[in-house]
């Protein structure tokens, strides 16, 4: 939740030099491209059976996914609700 909240704050209160603001300013295509890149890096780390690298790359993927959610005005609560429905 904290990472999502920071991203939301950057959207509402841009900070010079912020990578989050860079992504948001570049728009949906850039954000989606980064998600694709990070997903591929998670896959490679997993295939290499490197748990430290999986952890690192998964964090990158989750961050970029949170940027997408903010950009799309989707809350973490909405995602959690959807996951609960699938149980």
N, C-alpha and C. Protein backbone atom coordinates (compact mmCIF):
# COMPACT_ATOMS: atom_id res chain seq x y z
N UNK A 1 0.82 -1.20 0.00
CA UNK A 1 0.00 0.00 0.00
C UNK A 1 0.86 1.26 0.00
N UNK A 2 1.99 1.21 0.71
CA UNK A 2 2.83 2.41 0.82
C UNK A 2 3.39 2.81 -0.54
N UNK A 3 3.85 1.85 -1.33
CA UNK A 3 4.39 2.15 -2.65
C UNK A 3 3.30 2.76 -3.53
N UNK A 4 2.13 2.16 -3.51
CA UNK A 4 0.99 2.68 -4.28
C UNK A 4 0.70 4.12 -3.85
N UNK A 5 0.69 4.37 -2.55
CA UNK A 5 0.40 5.71 -2.04
C UNK A 5 1.45 6.73 -2.47
N UNK A 6 2.72 6.33 -2.50
CA UNK A 6 3.78 7.23 -2.96
C UNK A 6 3.58 7.56 -4.44
N UNK A 7 3.24 6.56 -5.23
CA UNK A 7 3.00 6.79 -6.66
C UNK A 7 1.83 7.73 -6.85
N UNK A 8 0.77 7.51 -6.11
CA UNK A 8 -0.40 8.38 -6.17
C UNK A 8 -0.02 9.82 -5.78
N UNK A 9 0.81 9.95 -4.75
CA UNK A 9 1.26 11.28 -4.33
C UNK A 9 2.10 11.94 -5.41
N UNK A 10 2.95 11.17 -6.07
CA UNK A 10 3.77 11.75 -7.15
C UNK A 10 2.88 12.24 -8.30
N UNK A 11 1.81 11.50 -8.55
CA UNK A 11 0.88 11.92 -9.60
C UNK A 11 0.23 13.26 -9.24
N UNK A 12 -0.16 13.39 -7.99
CA UNK A 12 -0.85 14.59 -7.52
C UNK A 12 0.12 15.73 -7.22
N UNK A 13 1.35 15.40 -6.81
CA UNK A 13 2.37 16.39 -6.43
C UNK A 13 3.70 16.02 -7.09
N UNK A 14 3.82 16.31 -8.38
CA UNK A 14 5.04 15.92 -9.08
C UNK A 14 6.30 16.44 -8.40
N UNK A 15 7.32 15.60 -8.45
CA UNK A 15 8.61 15.93 -7.85
C UNK A 15 9.67 15.86 -8.94
N UNK A 16 10.42 16.93 -9.11
CA UNK A 16 11.44 16.98 -10.14
C UNK A 16 12.45 15.85 -9.95
N UNK A 17 12.76 15.18 -11.04
CA UNK A 17 13.73 14.10 -11.00
C UNK A 17 13.15 12.75 -10.59
N UNK A 18 11.85 12.70 -10.34
CA UNK A 18 11.20 11.46 -9.91
C UNK A 18 11.02 10.51 -11.10
N UNK A 19 11.49 9.28 -10.93
CA UNK A 19 11.29 8.26 -11.97
C UNK A 19 9.81 7.97 -12.16
N UNK A 20 9.07 7.98 -11.08
CA UNK A 20 7.62 7.77 -11.17
C UNK A 20 6.98 8.84 -12.04
N UNK A 21 7.35 10.09 -11.82
CA UNK A 21 6.80 11.17 -12.64
C UNK A 21 7.23 11.04 -14.10
N UNK A 22 8.46 10.58 -14.31
CA UNK A 22 8.91 10.32 -15.67
C UNK A 22 8.00 9.31 -16.36
N UNK A 23 7.75 8.20 -15.68
CA UNK A 23 6.88 7.17 -16.28
C UNK A 23 5.48 7.72 -16.54
N UNK A 24 4.91 8.39 -15.56
CA UNK A 24 3.55 8.93 -15.73
C UNK A 24 3.49 9.95 -16.85
N UNK A 25 4.53 10.74 -17.01
CA UNK A 25 4.53 11.75 -18.07
C UNK A 25 4.68 11.12 -19.45
N UNK A 26 5.36 9.99 -19.53
CA UNK A 26 5.55 9.29 -20.81
C UNK A 26 4.29 8.55 -21.24
N UNK A 27 3.45 8.21 -20.27
CA UNK A 27 2.16 7.64 -20.61
C UNK A 27 2.08 6.13 -20.62
N UNK A 28 0.93 5.68 -21.04
CA UNK A 28 0.56 4.27 -20.98
C UNK A 28 1.52 3.35 -21.74
N UNK A 29 1.91 3.74 -22.94
CA UNK A 29 2.78 2.87 -23.73
C UNK A 29 4.10 2.60 -23.02
N UNK A 30 4.70 3.64 -22.42
CA UNK A 30 5.98 3.48 -21.71
C UNK A 30 5.80 2.60 -20.48
N UNK A 31 4.72 2.83 -19.74
CA UNK A 31 4.46 2.03 -18.54
C UNK A 31 4.27 0.56 -18.91
N UNK A 32 3.50 0.30 -19.95
CA UNK A 32 3.26 -1.08 -20.38
C UNK A 32 4.54 -1.73 -20.88
N UNK A 33 5.37 -0.96 -21.58
CA UNK A 33 6.65 -1.50 -22.05
C UNK A 33 7.51 -1.92 -20.86
N UNK A 34 7.55 -1.10 -19.83
CA UNK A 34 8.34 -1.43 -18.64
C UNK A 34 7.80 -2.67 -17.94
N UNK A 35 6.49 -2.81 -17.88
CA UNK A 35 5.90 -4.01 -17.27
C UNK A 35 6.32 -5.25 -18.05
N UNK A 36 6.29 -5.17 -19.37
CA UNK A 36 6.72 -6.29 -20.20
C UNK A 36 8.18 -6.64 -19.96
N UNK A 37 9.03 -5.62 -19.89
CA UNK A 37 10.47 -5.85 -19.65
C UNK A 37 10.69 -6.50 -18.28
N UNK A 38 10.01 -5.97 -17.28
CA UNK A 38 10.20 -6.51 -15.92
C UNK A 38 9.65 -7.92 -15.81
N UNK A 39 8.54 -8.21 -16.46
CA UNK A 39 7.98 -9.57 -16.44
C UNK A 39 8.97 -10.55 -17.07
N UNK A 40 9.58 -10.14 -18.17
CA UNK A 40 10.57 -11.00 -18.83
C UNK A 40 11.77 -11.24 -17.90
N UNK A 41 12.18 -10.20 -17.18
CA UNK A 41 13.31 -10.36 -16.26
C UNK A 41 12.98 -11.29 -15.09
N UNK A 42 11.73 -11.27 -14.63
CA UNK A 42 11.30 -12.21 -13.59
C UNK A 42 11.37 -13.64 -14.14
N UNK A 43 10.91 -13.82 -15.35
CA UNK A 43 10.93 -15.15 -15.96
C UNK A 43 12.36 -15.67 -16.09
N UNK A 44 13.25 -14.82 -16.56
CA UNK A 44 14.65 -15.23 -16.73
C UNK A 44 15.27 -15.59 -15.37
N UNK A 45 15.01 -14.76 -14.37
CA UNK A 45 15.55 -15.05 -13.03
C UNK A 45 15.00 -16.37 -12.50
N UNK A 46 13.73 -16.62 -12.73
CA UNK A 46 13.12 -17.87 -12.27
C UNK A 46 13.72 -19.07 -13.01
N UNK A 47 13.89 -18.92 -14.31
CA UNK A 47 14.48 -20.01 -15.09
C UNK A 47 15.92 -20.30 -14.66
N UNK A 48 16.60 -19.27 -14.18
CA UNK A 48 17.97 -19.43 -13.68
C UNK A 48 18.00 -19.92 -12.23
N UNK A 49 16.81 -20.09 -11.65
CA UNK A 49 16.68 -20.56 -10.27
C UNK A 49 17.50 -19.69 -9.29
N UNK A 50 17.40 -18.37 -9.50
CA UNK A 50 18.13 -17.43 -8.66
C UNK A 50 17.11 -16.66 -7.82
N UNK A 51 16.88 -17.12 -6.60
CA UNK A 51 15.81 -16.53 -5.77
C UNK A 51 16.07 -15.07 -5.42
N UNK A 52 17.34 -14.69 -5.24
CA UNK A 52 17.63 -13.27 -4.97
C UNK A 52 17.23 -12.41 -6.15
N UNK A 53 17.55 -12.89 -7.33
CA UNK A 53 17.22 -12.14 -8.55
C UNK A 53 15.71 -12.14 -8.79
N UNK A 54 15.04 -13.24 -8.49
CA UNK A 54 13.58 -13.27 -8.61
C UNK A 54 12.97 -12.22 -7.69
N UNK A 55 13.46 -12.16 -6.47
CA UNK A 55 12.95 -11.17 -5.51
C UNK A 55 13.15 -9.75 -6.03
N UNK A 56 14.35 -9.46 -6.51
CA UNK A 56 14.68 -8.13 -7.02
C UNK A 56 13.79 -7.77 -8.21
N UNK A 57 13.69 -8.68 -9.16
CA UNK A 57 12.91 -8.40 -10.38
C UNK A 57 11.41 -8.36 -10.09
N UNK A 58 10.95 -9.19 -9.16
CA UNK A 58 9.52 -9.16 -8.79
C UNK A 58 9.17 -7.81 -8.16
N UNK A 59 10.08 -7.27 -7.37
CA UNK A 59 9.84 -5.94 -6.78
C UNK A 59 9.72 -4.89 -7.88
N UNK A 60 10.60 -4.97 -8.88
CA UNK A 60 10.51 -4.04 -10.01
C UNK A 60 9.17 -4.20 -10.74
N UNK A 61 8.77 -5.43 -10.96
CA UNK A 61 7.51 -5.69 -11.66
C UNK A 61 6.32 -5.15 -10.87
N UNK A 62 6.31 -5.41 -9.57
CA UNK A 62 5.20 -4.93 -8.74
C UNK A 62 5.15 -3.40 -8.71
N UNK A 63 6.31 -2.75 -8.64
CA UNK A 63 6.35 -1.29 -8.68
C UNK A 63 5.73 -0.77 -9.98
N UNK A 64 6.19 -1.31 -11.11
CA UNK A 64 5.68 -0.83 -12.39
C UNK A 64 4.19 -1.15 -12.55
N UNK A 65 3.75 -2.26 -12.02
CA UNK A 65 2.32 -2.58 -12.04
C UNK A 65 1.54 -1.57 -11.21
N UNK A 66 2.08 -1.15 -10.08
CA UNK A 66 1.42 -0.12 -9.27
C UNK A 66 1.35 1.20 -10.02
N UNK A 67 2.38 1.54 -10.77
CA UNK A 67 2.33 2.76 -11.59
C UNK A 67 1.18 2.64 -12.59
N UNK A 68 1.05 1.49 -13.22
CA UNK A 68 -0.04 1.27 -14.16
C UNK A 68 -1.40 1.41 -13.48
N UNK A 69 -1.54 0.81 -12.31
CA UNK A 69 -2.81 0.89 -11.60
C UNK A 69 -3.17 2.34 -11.29
N UNK A 70 -2.21 3.12 -10.83
CA UNK A 70 -2.47 4.54 -10.56
C UNK A 70 -2.88 5.25 -11.85
N UNK A 71 -2.13 4.99 -12.92
CA UNK A 71 -2.42 5.64 -14.20
C UNK A 71 -3.84 5.30 -14.69
N UNK A 72 -4.27 4.08 -14.41
CA UNK A 72 -5.59 3.61 -14.84
C UNK A 72 -6.69 3.88 -13.82
N UNK A 73 -6.31 4.50 -12.71
CA UNK A 73 -7.25 4.82 -11.63
C UNK A 73 -7.91 3.56 -11.05
N UNK A 74 -7.09 2.52 -10.90
CA UNK A 74 -7.52 1.27 -10.28
C UNK A 74 -6.83 1.19 -8.91
N UNK A 75 -7.60 0.97 -7.87
CA UNK A 75 -7.03 0.91 -6.53
C UNK A 75 -6.56 -0.51 -6.20
N UNK A 76 -5.66 -0.57 -5.23
CA UNK A 76 -5.23 -1.89 -4.75
C UNK A 76 -6.40 -2.64 -4.13
N UNK A 77 -7.30 -1.91 -3.51
CA UNK A 77 -8.48 -2.54 -2.90
C UNK A 77 -9.33 -3.23 -3.97
N UNK A 78 -9.44 -2.62 -5.14
CA UNK A 78 -10.20 -3.25 -6.22
C UNK A 78 -9.54 -4.54 -6.68
N UNK A 79 -8.22 -4.53 -6.76
CA UNK A 79 -7.49 -5.74 -7.15
C UNK A 79 -7.65 -6.81 -6.07
N UNK A 80 -7.52 -6.41 -4.81
CA UNK A 80 -7.68 -7.37 -3.70
C UNK A 80 -9.09 -7.96 -3.70
N UNK A 81 -10.08 -7.12 -3.96
CA UNK A 81 -11.47 -7.60 -4.00
C UNK A 81 -11.64 -8.64 -5.11
N UNK A 82 -11.04 -8.38 -6.27
CA UNK A 82 -11.10 -9.34 -7.37
C UNK A 82 -10.43 -10.65 -6.99
N UNK A 83 -9.29 -10.56 -6.32
CA UNK A 83 -8.60 -11.79 -5.89
C UNK A 83 -9.44 -12.58 -4.90
N UNK A 84 -10.09 -11.87 -3.97
CA UNK A 84 -10.95 -12.56 -3.00
C UNK A 84 -12.10 -13.28 -3.69
N UNK A 85 -12.64 -12.67 -4.75
CA UNK A 85 -13.73 -13.31 -5.50
C UNK A 85 -13.30 -14.62 -6.13
N UNK A 86 -12.02 -14.75 -6.38
CA UNK A 86 -11.49 -15.94 -7.06
C UNK A 86 -11.18 -17.09 -6.12
N UNK A 87 -11.33 -16.89 -4.83
CA UNK A 87 -11.02 -17.95 -3.87
C UNK A 87 -12.08 -19.00 -3.87
